[in-house]
Amino acid sequence: MTTSSAPPAATKPSEAPALPSGPFDAPIRSKDLLKDRACVFIEHEGMLYALRTTRAGKLILTK
């Protein structure tokens, strides 16, 4: 019985998600949006959302 060793499977490096095609605005930096605040309120289509920053530096968007 002959055993053949297959080469290891090729792995692709993780790719960043593609940006939407077409024109779009430059990103808004979270520091510019939050300024010195820990929370900003955003009104969107009649609903109020809170964008908060955590102690770990993450962002949380809640309704």
C-alpha atoms as a PDB file:
ATOM      1  CA  MET A   1       0.000   0.000   0.000  1.00  0.00           C
ATOM      2  CA  THR A   2       1.396   3.346  -0.999  1.00  0.00           C
ATOM      3  CA  THR A   3       0.695   6.489   0.961  1.00  0.00           C
ATOM      4  CA  SER A   4       0.932   9.850  -0.657  1.00  0.00           C
ATOM      5  CA  SER A   5       1.323  12.965   1.336  1.00  0.00           C
ATOM      6  CA  ALA A   6      -0.701  15.805  -0.075  1.00  0.00           C
ATOM      7  CA  PRO A   7       0.689  19.295   0.257  1.00  0.00           C
ATOM      8  CA  PRO A   8      -0.855  21.353   3.054  1.00  0.00           C
ATOM      9  CA  ALA A   9      -3.975  23.229   2.091  1.00  0.00           C
ATOM     10  CA  ALA A  10      -3.325  26.756   0.964  1.00  0.00           C
ATOM     11  CA  THR A  11      -4.540  29.312   3.439  1.00  0.00           C
ATOM     12  CA  LYS A  12      -5.603  32.765   2.399  1.00  0.00           C
ATOM     13  CA  PRO A  13      -4.701  35.652   4.666  1.00  0.00           C
ATOM     14  CA  SER A  14      -7.735  37.291   6.174  1.00  0.00           C
ATOM     15  CA  GLU A  15      -8.872  40.114   3.966  1.00  0.00           C
ATOM     16  CA  ALA A  16     -10.540  43.325   5.081  1.00  0.00           C
ATOM     17  CA  PRO A  17     -14.143  43.664   3.969  1.00  0.00           C
ATOM     18  CA  ALA A  18     -14.496  45.445   0.649  1.00  0.00           C
ATOM     19  CA  LEU A  19     -15.622  49.049   0.712  1.00  0.00           C
ATOM     20  CA  PRO A  20     -18.836  49.829  -1.112  1.00  0.00           C
ATOM     21  CA  SER A  21     -18.325  50.776  -4.728  1.00  0.00           C
ATOM     22  CA  GLY A  22     -19.066  54.299  -5.829  1.00  0.00           C
ATOM     23  CA  PRO A  23     -18.392  57.651  -4.214  1.00  0.00           C
ATOM     24  CA  PHE A  24     -18.436  57.884  -0.434  1.00  0.00           C
ATOM     25  CA  ASP A  25     -17.299  60.356   2.175  1.00  0.00           C
ATOM     26  CA  ALA A  26     -14.090  60.036   4.137  1.00  0.00           C
ATOM     27  CA  PRO A  27     -14.484  58.269   7.498  1.00  0.00           C
ATOM     28  CA  ILE A  28     -15.287  60.358  10.571  1.00  0.00           C
ATOM     29  CA  ARG A  29     -12.809  59.778  13.393  1.00  0.00           C
ATOM     30  CA  SER A  30     -14.467  58.703  16.624  1.00  0.00           C
ATOM     31  CA  LYS A  31     -12.383  61.276  18.544  1.00  0.00           C
ATOM     32  CA  ASP A  32     -13.841  64.024  16.333  1.00  0.00           C
ATOM     33  CA  LEU A  33     -17.368  62.726  16.855  1.00  0.00           C
ATOM     34  CA  LEU A  34     -17.159  62.148  20.617  1.00  0.00           C
ATOM     35  CA  LYS A  35     -14.811  65.067  21.473  1.00  0.00           C
ATOM     36  CA  ASP A  36     -14.309  64.816  25.268  1.00  0.00           C
ATOM     37  CA  ARG A  37     -17.579  62.992  25.888  1.00  0.00           C
ATOM     38  CA  ALA A  38     -18.153  59.333  26.715  1.00  0.00           C
ATOM     39  CA  CYS A  39     -21.531  59.328  24.935  1.00  0.00           C
ATOM     40  CA  VAL A  40     -23.234  61.093  22.036  1.00  0.00           C
ATOM     41  CA  PHE A  41     -26.871  60.810  21.023  1.00  0.00           C
ATOM     42  CA  ILE A  42     -27.743  60.304  17.370  1.00  0.00           C
ATOM     43  CA  GLU A  43     -31.209  60.823  15.926  1.00  0.00           C
ATOM     44  CA  HIS A  44     -31.846  58.579  12.924  1.00  0.00           C
ATOM     45  CA  GLU A  45     -35.202  58.356  11.168  1.00  0.00           C
ATOM     46  CA  GLY A  46     -37.094  59.426  14.288  1.00  0.00           C
ATOM     47  CA  MET A  47     -35.236  57.019  16.606  1.00  0.00           C
ATOM     48  CA  LEU A  48     -32.691  58.070  19.241  1.00  0.00           C
ATOM     49  CA  TYR A  49     -29.463  56.078  19.567  1.00  0.00           C
ATOM     50  CA  ALA A  50     -26.607  56.389  22.061  1.00  0.00           C
ATOM     51  CA  LEU A  51     -23.026  55.901  20.863  1.00  0.00           C
ATOM     52  CA  ARG A  52     -20.847  55.183  23.875  1.00  0.00           C
ATOM     53  CA  THR A  53     -17.176  54.483  24.340  1.00  0.00           C
ATOM     54  CA  THR A  54     -16.079  51.865  26.879  1.00  0.00           C
ATOM     55  CA  ARG A  55     -13.118  51.941  29.235  1.00  0.00           C
ATOM     56  CA  ALA A  56     -11.481  49.408  26.908  1.00  0.00           C
ATOM     57  CA  GLY A  57     -11.806  51.835  23.983  1.00  0.00           C
ATOM     58  CA  LYS A  58     -14.622  49.995  22.176  1.00  0.00           C
ATOM     59  CA  LEU A  59     -17.748  51.602  20.746  1.00  0.00           C
ATOM     60  CA  ILE A  60     -21.295  50.540  21.621  1.00  0.00           C
ATOM     61  CA  LEU A  61     -24.377  51.764  19.743  1.00  0.00           C
ATOM     62  CA  THR A  62     -27.679  51.239  21.578  1.00  0.00           C
ATOM     63  CA  LYS A  63     -31.270  52.159  20.843  1.00  0.00           C
END
